[in-house]
Amino acid sequence: MVFIGMDHGTTGVSFTILTDKPVHFKIGREELSKGSASALQQLNKMVDLKSIDLMAITYAMGDGINTIMPIEKVKDRGILSMEGAGKVTGGGTAVYDEIKKSGIPTILIPGIHKNTGCLDPRFKAAYSHHASSEKISICYNAYMETGFENMIVSDISSNTVSMLIEDGKIRGAMDACIGAMGIVHGPLDLQMIRDIDDGLKTANECFSRAGAVKIANLDTKVSLAKEELLQRYIKGDEMTELAFKTMIMSILMEIHGLIGITDSQLQGIVLTGSIGSMQKPYDFFQEIKMGLNKSIPILKLPPTSGSLGSAQIAKSVFEGKKNILGIKVENMN
């Protein structure tokens, strides 16, 4: 049995081959956009493509669908728009089309948005969009690894998105544009709204510079931002340290906010993503852990949780599971 998971992330597209010891690899967004890399060629070096029983992939915001669907049934790649905040830049699109044409049995995982059936009605009423599709994969990986039915999962990397799981279902989530800062993305403050109104910047330009990079005054490519900030921190840059501490403050505000509105007895809080799991050179995990309720277990998962969770979804669906954390699975036939 061979199951593959894909995570369409901000800086690249990650894959996991689910075996006794999962195999992970990542292809950078720029390589894919330029056409200098092929996901299937890379995958074929590691596994016979004809042996794949099921692949589960994510793509962009995933706001055009609300169930897990066979890829051949999906219209417009499962998204409502390719423009504006969260704009699609092309790398993941090439991978999506390559996989669809390949004939490999594949399912597409939706994002979390106002049409997601399992969400608390108050979250649906408050926000049109809550999280892109790989966040469901991350939550499923957390569920499979911990067995927790009631938890908060916070994915911290280029952006930060935190999800609330109650009774084994995703009940709410805070998207990057309304909640905590990440390295690159973050919520739009008043000055940014004024800049948009005055035509100085687009909403997407503001969103893509509202994270730690704003405070550190770093203007660079998304794929380089994390490493450049870490290098500045190692050299003792005070504004970078302030950027990290401010980012952590906003993350704690977000997680504490979700703790405050749940009626469930939380079994744990799971941190993941390239920043959420980081302990060197800056110990983000410990700093966030110290700011949280000491009576709730705080765990971390590696940054591969997105692609691994997708592969675990593929395996569960293949084995007949009809529901993933409250998300319906469409008939494969």
C-alpha atoms as a PDB file:
ATOM      1  CA  MET A   1       0.000   0.000   0.000  1.00  0.00           C
ATOM      2  CA  VAL A   2       1.364   3.427  -0.987  1.00  0.00           C
ATOM      3  CA  PHE A   3      -0.190   6.701   0.131  1.00  0.00           C
ATOM      4  CA  ILE A   4       1.084  10.176  -0.729  1.00  0.00           C
ATOM      5  CA  GLY A   5       0.312  13.503   0.905  1.00  0.00           C
ATOM      6  CA  MET A   6       0.963  16.994  -0.436  1.00  0.00           C
ATOM      7  CA  ASP A   7       1.092  20.338   1.376  1.00  0.00           C
ATOM      8  CA  HIS A   8       0.788  23.412  -0.851  1.00  0.00           C
ATOM      9  CA  GLY A   9       2.630  25.868   1.386  1.00  0.00           C
ATOM     10  CA  THR A  10       3.704  29.500   1.134  1.00  0.00           C
ATOM     11  CA  THR A  11       7.358  28.829   0.325  1.00  0.00           C
ATOM     12  CA  GLY A  12       7.034  25.546  -1.554  1.00  0.00           C
ATOM     13  CA  VAL A  13       5.205  22.280  -2.128  1.00  0.00           C
ATOM     14  CA  SER A  14       5.960  19.433   0.289  1.00  0.00           C
ATOM     15  CA  PHE A  15       5.304  15.711  -0.163  1.00  0.00           C
ATOM     16  CA  THR A  16       5.220  12.742   2.196  1.00  0.00           C
ATOM     17  CA  ILE A  17       5.347   9.104   1.131  1.00  0.00           C
ATOM     18  CA  LEU A  18       3.579   7.210   3.906  1.00  0.00           C
ATOM     19  CA  THR A  19       5.594   4.128   4.835  1.00  0.00           C
ATOM     20  CA  ASP A  20       6.748   2.615   8.137  1.00  0.00           C
ATOM     21  CA  LYS A  21       9.208   5.512   8.218  1.00  0.00           C
ATOM     22  CA  PRO A  22       7.617   8.378   6.218  1.00  0.00           C
ATOM     23  CA  VAL A  23       9.743   9.955   3.491  1.00  0.00           C
ATOM     24  CA  HIS A  24       9.500  13.732   3.045  1.00  0.00           C
ATOM     25  CA  PHE A  25      10.703  16.107   0.345  1.00  0.00           C
ATOM     26  CA  LYS A  26      10.000  19.707  -0.628  1.00  0.00           C
ATOM     27  CA  ILE A  27      10.268  21.624  -3.896  1.00  0.00           C
ATOM     28  CA  GLY A  28      10.674  25.408  -3.723  1.00  0.00           C
ATOM     29  CA  ARG A  29       7.960  27.621  -5.150  1.00  0.00           C
ATOM     30  CA  GLU A  30      10.395  29.496  -7.386  1.00  0.00           C
ATOM     31  CA  GLU A  31      11.720  26.283  -8.943  1.00  0.00           C
ATOM     32  CA  LEU A  32       8.173  25.201  -9.730  1.00  0.00           C
ATOM     33  CA  SER A  33       7.132  28.601 -11.067  1.00  0.00           C
ATOM     34  CA  LYS A  34      10.105  28.643 -13.433  1.00  0.00           C
ATOM     35  CA  GLY A  35       9.345  25.101 -14.594  1.00  0.00           C
ATOM     36  CA  SER A  36      12.803  23.888 -13.542  1.00  0.00           C
ATOM     37  CA  ALA A  37      11.371  21.143 -11.300  1.00  0.00           C
ATOM     38  CA  SER A  38       8.692  18.493 -11.715  1.00  0.00           C
ATOM     39  CA  ALA A  39       6.922  17.115  -8.651  1.00  0.00           C
ATOM     40  CA  LEU A  40       6.035  13.838 -10.327  1.00  0.00           C
ATOM     41  CA  GLN A  41       9.550  13.321 -11.673  1.00  0.00           C
ATOM     42  CA  GLN A  42      10.905  13.794  -8.171  1.00  0.00           C
ATOM     43  CA  LEU A  43       8.243  11.506  -6.718  1.00  0.00           C
ATOM     44  CA  ASN A  44       8.935   8.858  -9.360  1.00  0.00           C
ATOM     45  CA  LYS A  45      12.548   8.638  -8.168  1.00  0.00           C
ATOM     46  CA  MET A  46      11.278   7.408  -4.825  1.00  0.00           C
ATOM     47  CA  VAL A  47       8.207   5.348  -5.624  1.00  0.00           C
ATOM     48  CA  ASP A  48       6.580   3.659  -8.635  1.00  0.00           C
ATOM     49  CA  LEU A  49       3.765   6.061  -9.531  1.00  0.00           C
ATOM     50  CA  LYS A  50       1.586   3.133 -10.645  1.00  0.00           C
ATOM     51  CA  SER A  51       1.804   1.684  -7.134  1.00  0.00           C
ATOM     52  CA  ILE A  52       0.159   4.717  -5.487  1.00  0.00           C
ATOM     53  CA  ASP A  53      -3.184   3.678  -4.015  1.00  0.00           C
ATOM     54  CA  LEU A  54      -4.301   7.227  -3.191  1.00  0.00           C
ATOM     55  CA  MET A  55      -2.827  10.699  -3.037  1.00  0.00           C
ATOM     56  CA  ALA A  56      -4.335  13.547  -0.992  1.00  0.00           C
ATOM     57  CA  ILE A  57      -3.367  17.095  -1.933  1.00  0.00           C
ATOM     58  CA  THR A  58      -4.080  20.644  -0.824  1.00  0.00           C
ATOM     59  CA  TYR A  59      -4.249  23.704  -3.040  1.00  0.00           C
ATOM     60  CA  ALA A  60      -4.334  27.370  -2.063  1.00  0.00           C
ATOM     61  CA  MET A  61      -7.266  28.598   0.012  1.00  0.00           C
ATOM     62  CA  GLY A  62      -9.548  25.714  -0.935  1.00  0.00           C
ATOM     63  CA  ASP A  63     -12.588  27.967  -0.554  1.00  0.00           C
ATOM     64  CA  GLY A  64     -14.417  26.676  -3.642  1.00  0.00           C
ATOM     65  CA  ILE A  65     -15.229  23.289  -2.092  1.00  0.00           C
ATOM     66  CA  ASN A  66     -16.335  22.157   1.370  1.00  0.00           C
ATOM     67  CA  THR A  67     -15.849  18.380   1.174  1.00  0.00           C
ATOM     68  CA  ILE A  68     -12.941  16.069   0.396  1.00  0.00           C
ATOM     69  CA  MET A  69     -13.406  15.296  -3.301  1.00  0.00           C
ATOM     70  CA  PRO A  70     -11.866  13.193  -6.076  1.00  0.00           C
ATOM     71  CA  ILE A  71      -9.773  15.617  -8.120  1.00  0.00           C
ATOM     72  CA  GLU A  72     -11.619  14.836 -11.353  1.00  0.00           C
ATOM     73  CA  LYS A  73     -14.851  16.172  -9.809  1.00  0.00           C
ATOM     74  CA  VAL A  74     -13.319  19.490  -8.738  1.00  0.00           C
ATOM     75  CA  LYS A  75     -14.001  22.681 -10.691  1.00  0.00           C
ATOM     76  CA  ASP A  76     -11.532  25.607 -10.881  1.00  0.00           C
ATOM     77  CA  ARG A  77      -9.017  23.761  -8.692  1.00  0.00           C
ATOM     78  CA  GLY A  78     -11.342  24.218  -5.730  1.00  0.00           C
ATOM     79  CA  ILE A  79     -10.816  27.963  -5.290  1.00  0.00           C
ATOM     80  CA  LEU A  80     -13.045  30.995  -5.756  1.00  0.00           C
ATOM     81  CA  SER A  81     -10.397  33.482  -6.910  1.00  0.00           C
ATOM     82  CA  MET A  82      -6.716  33.621  -7.877  1.00  0.00           C
ATOM     83  CA  GLU A  83      -6.385  37.323  -7.050  1.00  0.00           C
ATOM     84  CA  GLY A  84      -6.279  39.520  -3.949  1.00  0.00           C
ATOM     85  CA  ALA A  85      -5.166  38.401  -0.482  1.00  0.00           C
ATOM     86  CA  GLY A  86      -3.541  34.993  -0.635  1.00  0.00           C
ATOM     87  CA  LYS A  87      -2.928  35.437  -4.361  1.00  0.00           C
ATOM     88  CA  VAL A  88      -1.863  32.261  -6.181  1.00  0.00           C
ATOM     89  CA  THR A  89       1.633  32.666  -7.658  1.00  0.00           C
ATOM     90  CA  GLY A  90       1.864  29.700 -10.014  1.00  0.00           C
ATOM     91  CA  GLY A  91       4.161  27.079  -8.496  1.00  0.00           C
ATOM     92  CA  GLY A  92       1.435  25.043  -6.856  1.00  0.00           C
ATOM     93  CA  THR A  93      -0.785  25.439  -9.907  1.00  0.00           C
ATOM     94  CA  ALA A  94       1.756  23.610 -12.055  1.00  0.00           C
ATOM     95  CA  VAL A  95       1.896  20.769  -9.522  1.00  0.00           C
ATOM     96  CA  TYR A  96      -1.906  20.544  -9.302  1.00  0.00           C
ATOM     97  CA  ASP A  97      -2.277  20.308 -13.070  1.00  0.00           C
ATOM     98  CA  GLU A  98       0.561  17.802 -13.338  1.00  0.00           C
ATOM     99  CA  ILE A  99      -1.062  15.532 -10.742  1.00  0.00           C
ATOM    100  CA  LYS A 100      -4.526  15.818 -12.297  1.00  0.00           C
ATOM    101  CA  LYS A 101      -3.210  14.838 -15.740  1.00  0.00           C
ATOM    102  CA  SER A 102      -1.208  11.913 -14.327  1.00  0.00           C
ATOM    103  CA  GLY A 103      -4.202   9.682 -13.627  1.00  0.00           C
ATOM    104  CA  ILE A 104      -2.950   8.923 -10.100  1.00  0.00           C
ATOM    105  CA  PRO A 105      -5.997   8.377  -7.808  1.00  0.00           C
ATOM    106  CA  THR A 106      -6.145  11.729  -6.016  1.00  0.00           C
ATOM    107  CA  ILE A 107      -8.421  13.567  -3.613  1.00  0.00           C
ATOM    108  CA  LEU A 108      -8.457  17.309  -2.928  1.00  0.00           C
ATOM    109  CA  ILE A 109      -8.781  18.599   0.635  1.00  0.00           C
ATOM    110  CA  PRO A 110     -10.879  21.779   1.087  1.00  0.00           C
ATOM    111  CA  GLY A 111     -10.041  24.863   3.081  1.00  0.00           C
ATOM    112  CA  ILE A 112     -11.959  25.988   6.163  1.00  0.00           C
ATOM    113  CA  HIS A 113     -14.479  28.718   5.365  1.00  0.00           C
ATOM    114  CA  LYS A 114     -18.049  29.911   5.897  1.00  0.00           C
ATOM    115  CA  ASN A 115     -19.466  26.898   4.013  1.00  0.00           C
ATOM    116  CA  THR A 116     -17.593  24.328   6.111  1.00  0.00           C
ATOM    117  CA  GLY A 117     -20.375  22.327   7.729  1.00  0.00           C
ATOM    118  CA  CYS A 118     -18.702  21.410  11.040  1.00  0.00           C
ATOM    119  CA  LEU A 119     -17.793  24.971  12.055  1.00  0.00           C
ATOM    120  CA  ASP A 120     -19.482  26.691  14.977  1.00  0.00           C
ATOM    121  CA  PRO A 121     -22.186  28.939  13.426  1.00  0.00           C
ATOM    122  CA  ARG A 122     -20.633  31.962  15.148  1.00  0.00           C
ATOM    123  CA  PHE A 123     -17.348  31.450  13.318  1.00  0.00           C
ATOM    124  CA  LYS A 124     -19.225  31.146  10.026  1.00  0.00           C
ATOM    125  CA  ALA A 125     -21.090  34.372  10.767  1.00  0.00           C
ATOM    126  CA  ALA A 126     -17.956  36.259  11.777  1.00  0.00           C
ATOM    127  CA  TYR A 127     -15.489  35.293   9.046  1.00  0.00           C
ATOM    128  CA  SER A 128     -15.767  34.339   5.367  1.00  0.00           C
ATOM    129  CA  HIS A 129     -12.488  32.420   5.420  1.00  0.00           C
ATOM    130  CA  HIS A 130     -10.699  30.698   8.275  1.00  0.00           C
ATOM    131  CA  ALA A 131      -7.786  28.628   6.994  1.00  0.00           C
ATOM    132  CA  SER A 132      -6.291  27.234   3.810  1.00  0.00           C
ATOM    133  CA  SER A 133      -6.612  23.557   3.031  1.00  0.00           C
ATOM    134  CA  GLU A 134      -3.330  22.247   4.460  1.00  0.00           C
ATOM    135  CA  LYS A 135      -4.553  23.263   7.928  1.00  0.00           C
ATOM    136  CA  ILE A 136      -7.026  20.354   7.837  1.00  0.00           C
ATOM    137  CA  SER A 137      -4.083  18.059   7.086  1.00  0.00           C
ATOM    138  CA  ILE A 138      -2.106  19.541   9.982  1.00  0.00           C
ATOM    139  CA  CYS A 139      -5.040  19.066  12.348  1.00  0.00           C
ATOM    140  CA  TYR A 140      -5.477  15.467  11.213  1.00  0.00           C
ATOM    141  CA  ASN A 141      -1.812  14.744  11.801  1.00  0.00           C
ATOM    142  CA  ALA A 142      -2.147  16.236  15.298  1.00  0.00           C
ATOM    143  CA  TYR A 143      -5.238  14.098  15.879  1.00  0.00           C
ATOM    144  CA  MET A 144      -3.503  10.929  14.686  1.00  0.00           C
ATOM    145  CA  GLU A 145      -0.348  11.594  16.708  1.00  0.00           C
ATOM    146  CA  THR A 146      -2.025  12.603  19.983  1.00  0.00           C
ATOM    147  CA  GLY A 147      -5.487  11.055  19.897  1.00  0.00           C
ATOM    148  CA  PHE A 148      -6.853  14.307  21.369  1.00  0.00           C
ATOM    149  CA  GLU A 149     -10.537  14.963  20.632  1.00  0.00           C
ATOM    150  CA  ASN A 150     -10.381  18.469  22.161  1.00  0.00           C
ATOM    151  CA  MET A 151      -7.356  20.622  21.343  1.00  0.00           C
ATOM    152  CA  ILE A 152      -5.990  23.755  19.754  1.00  0.00           C
ATOM    153  CA  VAL A 153      -3.563  23.379  16.860  1.00  0.00           C
ATOM    154  CA  SER A 154      -1.447  26.384  15.924  1.00  0.00           C
ATOM    155  CA  ASP A 155       0.543  26.350  12.690  1.00  0.00           C
ATOM    156  CA  ILE A 156       3.244  29.024  12.829  1.00  0.00           C
ATOM    157  CA  SER A 157       5.489  29.775   9.864  1.00  0.00           C
ATOM    158  CA  SER A 158       5.211  32.433   7.135  1.00  0.00           C
ATOM    159  CA  ASN A 159       1.767  33.010   8.595  1.00  0.00           C
ATOM    160  CA  THR A 160       0.022  31.874  11.778  1.00  0.00           C
ATOM    161  CA  VAL A 161      -3.318  30.062  11.830  1.00  0.00           C
ATOM    162  CA  SER A 162      -4.820  28.447  14.933  1.00  0.00           C
ATOM    163  CA  MET A 163      -7.648  25.886  14.882  1.00  0.00           C
ATOM    164  CA  LEU A 164     -10.039  24.741  17.594  1.00  0.00           C
ATOM    165  CA  ILE A 165     -11.024  21.052  17.604  1.00  0.00           C
ATOM    166  CA  GLU A 166     -13.900  19.959  19.824  1.00  0.00           C
ATOM    167  CA  ASP A 167     -15.272  16.405  20.017  1.00  0.00           C
ATOM    168  CA  GLY A 168     -13.020  15.426  17.112  1.00  0.00           C
ATOM    169  CA  LYS A 169     -14.371  18.141  14.788  1.00  0.00           C
ATOM    170  CA  ILE A 170     -12.902  21.435  13.581  1.00  0.00           C
ATOM    171  CA  ARG A 171     -15.160  24.042  15.184  1.00  0.00           C
ATOM    172  CA  GLY A 172     -13.283  27.273  14.537  1.00  0.00           C
ATOM    173  CA  ALA A 173     -10.109  28.811  13.154  1.00  0.00           C
ATOM    174  CA  MET A 174      -8.371  32.195  13.038  1.00  0.00           C
ATOM    175  CA  ASP A 175      -6.909  33.015   9.644  1.00  0.00           C
ATOM    176  CA  ALA A 176      -3.649  34.931   9.211  1.00  0.00           C
ATOM    177  CA  CYS A 177      -5.325  38.129   8.011  1.00  0.00           C
ATOM    178  CA  ILE A 178      -7.408  38.521  11.191  1.00  0.00           C
ATOM    179  CA  GLY A 179      -5.375  36.933  13.969  1.00  0.00           C
ATOM    180  CA  ALA A 180      -1.741  36.467  14.920  1.00  0.00           C
ATOM    181  CA  MET A 181       1.385  37.466  13.027  1.00  0.00           C
ATOM    182  CA  GLY A 182       3.633  35.039  11.233  1.00  0.00           C
ATOM    183  CA  ILE A 183       7.078  35.724   9.803  1.00  0.00           C
ATOM    184  CA  VAL A 184       5.624  37.379   6.672  1.00  0.00           C
ATOM    185  CA  HIS A 185       1.839  37.660   6.893  1.00  0.00           C
ATOM    186  CA  GLY A 186      -0.345  39.231   9.526  1.00  0.00           C
ATOM    187  CA  PRO A 187      -3.512  41.208  10.270  1.00  0.00           C
ATOM    188  CA  LEU A 188      -4.064  44.580   8.631  1.00  0.00           C
ATOM    189  CA  ASP A 189      -3.863  47.470  11.090  1.00  0.00           C
ATOM    190  CA  LEU A 190      -5.358  50.942  10.653  1.00  0.00           C
ATOM    191  CA  GLN A 191      -2.346  52.418   8.867  1.00  0.00           C
ATOM    192  CA  MET A 192      -2.442  49.620   6.295  1.00  0.00           C
ATOM    193  CA  ILE A 193      -6.161  50.136   5.721  1.00  0.00           C
ATOM    194  CA  ARG A 194      -5.451  53.818   5.100  1.00  0.00           C
ATOM    195  CA  ASP A 195      -2.649  52.928   2.679  1.00  0.00           C
ATOM    196  CA  ILE A 196      -5.083  50.709   0.771  1.00  0.00           C
ATOM    197  CA  ASP A 197      -7.773  53.412   0.712  1.00  0.00           C
ATOM    198  CA  ASP A 198      -5.214  55.957  -0.546  1.00  0.00           C
ATOM    199  CA  GLY A 199      -4.112  53.596  -3.328  1.00  0.00           C
ATOM    200  CA  LEU A 200      -0.550  53.363  -2.015  1.00  0.00           C
ATOM    201  CA  LYS A 201      -0.639  49.552  -1.664  1.00  0.00           C
ATOM    202  CA  THR A 202      -2.932  46.672  -2.489  1.00  0.00           C
ATOM    203  CA  ALA A 203      -4.522  44.602   0.272  1.00  0.00           C
ATOM    204  CA  ASN A 204      -2.315  41.661  -0.698  1.00  0.00           C
ATOM    205  CA  GLU A 205       0.842  43.798  -0.501  1.00  0.00           C
ATOM    206  CA  CYS A 206      -0.126  44.877   3.013  1.00  0.00           C
ATOM    207  CA  PHE A 207      -1.085  41.348   4.090  1.00  0.00           C
ATOM    208  CA  SER A 208       2.257  40.073   2.803  1.00  0.00           C
ATOM    209  CA  ARG A 209       4.191  42.553   4.907  1.00  0.00           C
ATOM    210  CA  ALA A 210       2.185  42.561   8.135  1.00  0.00           C
ATOM    211  CA  GLY A 211       4.167  39.949  10.066  1.00  0.00           C
ATOM    212  CA  ALA A 212       7.540  40.057  11.810  1.00  0.00           C
ATOM    213  CA  VAL A 213       9.109  41.520   8.649  1.00  0.00           C
ATOM    214  CA  LYS A 214       7.116  44.726   9.219  1.00  0.00           C
ATOM    215  CA  ILE A 215       8.621  45.316  12.651  1.00  0.00           C
ATOM    216  CA  ALA A 216      12.141  44.333  11.576  1.00  0.00           C
ATOM    217  CA  ASN A 217      11.772  46.505   8.452  1.00  0.00           C
ATOM    218  CA  LEU A 218      12.801  43.648   6.200  1.00  0.00           C
ATOM    219  CA  ASP A 219      11.766  43.739   2.544  1.00  0.00           C
ATOM    220  CA  THR A 220      12.726  40.483   0.840  1.00  0.00           C
ATOM    221  CA  LYS A 221      11.279  37.447  -0.918  1.00  0.00           C
ATOM    222  CA  VAL A 222       8.908  35.302   1.138  1.00  0.00           C
ATOM    223  CA  SER A 223      11.165  32.277   0.690  1.00  0.00           C
ATOM    224  CA  LEU A 224      14.131  34.165   2.217  1.00  0.00           C
ATOM    225  CA  ALA A 225      12.428  36.053   5.052  1.00  0.00           C
ATOM    226  CA  LYS A 226      12.792  33.485   7.843  1.00  0.00           C
ATOM    227  CA  GLU A 227      16.506  32.845   7.301  1.00  0.00           C
ATOM    228  CA  GLU A 228      17.319  36.533   6.909  1.00  0.00           C
ATOM    229  CA  LEU A 229      15.516  37.366  10.164  1.00  0.00           C
ATOM    230  CA  LEU A 230      17.278  34.539  12.000  1.00  0.00           C
ATOM    231  CA  GLN A 231      20.645  35.765  10.737  1.00  0.00           C
ATOM    232  CA  ARG A 232      19.836  39.269  11.952  1.00  0.00           C
ATOM    233  CA  TYR A 233      18.827  37.866  15.346  1.00  0.00           C
ATOM    234  CA  ILE A 234      22.092  35.895  15.646  1.00  0.00           C
ATOM    235  CA  LYS A 235      23.987  39.140  14.946  1.00  0.00           C
ATOM    236  CA  GLY A 236      22.121  40.836  17.818  1.00  0.00           C
ATOM    237  CA  ASP A 237      19.697  43.035  15.890  1.00  0.00           C
ATOM    238  CA  GLU A 238      17.317  44.571  18.451  1.00  0.00           C
ATOM    239  CA  MET A 239      14.447  45.203  16.036  1.00  0.00           C
ATOM    240  CA  THR A 240      14.452  41.560  14.939  1.00  0.00           C
ATOM    241  CA  GLU A 241      14.282  40.427  18.556  1.00  0.00           C
ATOM    242  CA  LEU A 242      11.378  42.841  19.095  1.00  0.00           C
ATOM    243  CA  ALA A 243       9.721  41.428  15.953  1.00  0.00           C
ATOM    244  CA  PHE A 244       9.948  37.876  17.323  1.00  0.00           C
ATOM    245  CA  LYS A 245       8.653  38.863  20.757  1.00  0.00           C
ATOM    246  CA  THR A 246       5.763  40.820  19.213  1.00  0.00           C
ATOM    247  CA  MET A 247       4.892  37.890  16.976  1.00  0.00           C
ATOM    248  CA  ILE A 248       4.839  35.592  20.017  1.00  0.00           C
ATOM    249  CA  MET A 249       2.622  38.047  21.909  1.00  0.00           C
ATOM    250  CA  SER A 250       0.082  38.017  19.075  1.00  0.00           C
ATOM    251  CA  ILE A 251       0.180  34.205  18.912  1.00  0.00           C
ATOM    252  CA  LEU A 252      -0.471  33.935  22.649  1.00  0.00           C
ATOM    253  CA  MET A 253      -3.393  36.366  22.295  1.00  0.00           C
ATOM    254  CA  GLU A 254      -4.856  34.177  19.547  1.00  0.00           C
ATOM    255  CA  ILE A 255      -4.466  30.882  21.407  1.00  0.00           C
ATOM    256  CA  HIS A 256      -5.755  32.331  24.684  1.00  0.00           C
ATOM    257  CA  GLY A 257      -8.731  33.707  22.763  1.00  0.00           C
ATOM    258  CA  LEU A 258      -9.645  30.220  21.528  1.00  0.00           C
ATOM    259  CA  ILE A 259      -9.143  28.803  25.021  1.00  0.00           C
ATOM    260  CA  GLY A 260     -11.535  31.439  26.325  1.00  0.00           C
ATOM    261  CA  ILE A 261     -14.433  30.549  24.030  1.00  0.00           C
ATOM    262  CA  THR A 262     -14.390  26.754  24.247  1.00  0.00           C
ATOM    263  CA  ASP A 263     -16.666  24.849  26.611  1.00  0.00           C
ATOM    264  CA  SER A 264     -14.604  21.693  26.154  1.00  0.00           C
ATOM    265  CA  GLN A 265     -11.905  20.468  28.512  1.00  0.00           C
ATOM    266  CA  LEU A 266      -8.824  20.869  26.348  1.00  0.00           C
ATOM    267  CA  GLN A 267      -6.522  17.863  26.275  1.00  0.00           C
ATOM    268  CA  GLY A 268      -3.632  19.751  24.752  1.00  0.00           C
ATOM    269  CA  ILE A 269      -2.264  22.524  22.556  1.00  0.00           C
ATOM    270  CA  VAL A 270      -0.191  21.463  19.556  1.00  0.00           C
ATOM    271  CA  LEU A 271       2.330  23.797  17.919  1.00  0.00           C
ATOM    272  CA  THR A 272       3.727  23.090  14.483  1.00  0.00           C
ATOM    273  CA  GLY A 273       5.164  24.781  11.409  1.00  0.00           C
ATOM    274  CA  SER A 274       8.764  25.840  10.805  1.00  0.00           C
ATOM    275  CA  ILE A 275       8.474  28.465  13.566  1.00  0.00           C
ATOM    276  CA  GLY A 276       6.081  26.753  15.968  1.00  0.00           C
ATOM    277  CA  SER A 277       8.433  23.772  16.305  1.00  0.00           C
ATOM    278  CA  MET A 278      11.661  25.800  16.280  1.00  0.00           C
ATOM    279  CA  GLN A 279      13.982  25.742  19.289  1.00  0.00           C
ATOM    280  CA  LYS A 280      17.260  26.947  17.732  1.00  0.00           C
ATOM    281  CA  PRO A 281      18.595  29.542  17.126  1.00  0.00           C
ATOM    282  CA  TYR A 282      15.511  31.148  18.669  1.00  0.00           C
ATOM    283  CA  ASP A 283      13.374  29.031  20.993  1.00  0.00           C
ATOM    284  CA  PHE A 284       9.912  29.941  19.720  1.00  0.00           C
ATOM    285  CA  PHE A 285       8.407  26.714  21.068  1.00  0.00           C
ATOM    286  CA  GLN A 286       9.568  27.293  24.639  1.00  0.00           C
ATOM    287  CA  GLU A 287       8.661  30.999  24.621  1.00  0.00           C
ATOM    288  CA  ILE A 288       5.116  30.230  23.493  1.00  0.00           C
ATOM    289  CA  LYS A 289       4.842  27.299  25.889  1.00  0.00           C
ATOM    290  CA  MET A 290       5.849  29.497  28.834  1.00  0.00           C
ATOM    291  CA  GLY A 291       3.081  31.941  27.989  1.00  0.00           C
ATOM    292  CA  LEU A 292       0.347  29.301  28.016  1.00  0.00           C
ATOM    293  CA  ASN A 293      -1.659  27.600  30.754  1.00  0.00           C
ATOM    294  CA  LYS A 294       0.729  25.278  32.582  1.00  0.00           C
ATOM    295  CA  SER A 295      -2.063  22.779  33.305  1.00  0.00           C
ATOM    296  CA  ILE A 296      -2.614  22.068  29.573  1.00  0.00           C
ATOM    297  CA  PRO A 297      -0.040  19.833  27.837  1.00  0.00           C
ATOM    298  CA  ILE A 298       1.859  21.760  25.143  1.00  0.00           C
ATOM    299  CA  LEU A 299       3.221  19.543  22.356  1.00  0.00           C
ATOM    300  CA  LYS A 300       5.002  20.186  19.077  1.00  0.00           C
ATOM    301  CA  LEU A 301       4.998  18.495  15.698  1.00  0.00           C
ATOM    302  CA  PRO A 302       7.636  18.940  12.965  1.00  0.00           C
ATOM    303  CA  PRO A 303       7.021  21.206   9.947  1.00  0.00           C
ATOM    304  CA  THR A 304       6.220  18.098   7.886  1.00  0.00           C
ATOM    305  CA  SER A 305       2.858  17.763   9.676  1.00  0.00           C
ATOM    306  CA  GLY A 306       1.005  19.198   6.660  1.00  0.00           C
ATOM    307  CA  SER A 307       2.162  16.725   4.045  1.00  0.00           C
ATOM    308  CA  LEU A 308       2.160  13.842   6.547  1.00  0.00           C
ATOM    309  CA  GLY A 309      -1.403  14.694   7.591  1.00  0.00           C
ATOM    310  CA  SER A 310      -2.447  14.701   3.925  1.00  0.00           C
ATOM    311  CA  ALA A 311      -0.939  11.229   3.487  1.00  0.00           C
ATOM    312  CA  GLN A 312      -2.740  10.045   6.627  1.00  0.00           C
ATOM    313  CA  ILE A 313      -6.001  11.411   5.214  1.00  0.00           C
ATOM    314  CA  ALA A 314      -5.355   9.509   1.962  1.00  0.00           C
ATOM    315  CA  LYS A 315      -4.845   6.285   3.903  1.00  0.00           C
ATOM    316  CA  SER A 316      -7.950   6.792   6.050  1.00  0.00           C
ATOM    317  CA  VAL A 317     -10.136   7.610   3.038  1.00  0.00           C
ATOM    318  CA  PHE A 318      -8.804   4.604   1.129  1.00  0.00           C
ATOM    319  CA  GLU A 319      -9.690   2.436   4.122  1.00  0.00           C
ATOM    320  CA  GLY A 320     -13.278   3.739   4.020  1.00  0.00           C
ATOM    321  CA  LYS A 321     -13.410   6.685   6.397  1.00  0.00           C
ATOM    322  CA  LYS A 322     -16.286   9.001   5.422  1.00  0.00           C
ATOM    323  CA  ASN A 323     -15.494  11.906   7.711  1.00  0.00           C
ATOM    324  CA  ILE A 324     -12.237  13.695   8.568  1.00  0.00           C
ATOM    325  CA  LEU A 325     -12.522  15.957  11.637  1.00  0.00           C
ATOM    326  CA  GLY A 326     -16.082  16.803  10.635  1.00  0.00           C
ATOM    327  CA  ILE A 327     -15.276  17.257   6.922  1.00  0.00           C
ATOM    328  CA  LYS A 328     -17.349  14.971   4.693  1.00  0.00           C
ATOM    329  CA  VAL A 329     -15.600  12.647   2.240  1.00  0.00           C
ATOM    330  CA  GLU A 330     -17.308  12.426  -1.150  1.00  0.00           C
ATOM    331  CA  ASN A 331     -17.828   9.061  -2.818  1.00  0.00           C
ATOM    332  CA  MET A 332     -14.758   8.079  -4.821  1.00  0.00           C
ATOM    333  CA  ASN A 333     -16.832   6.442  -7.576  1.00  0.00           C
END
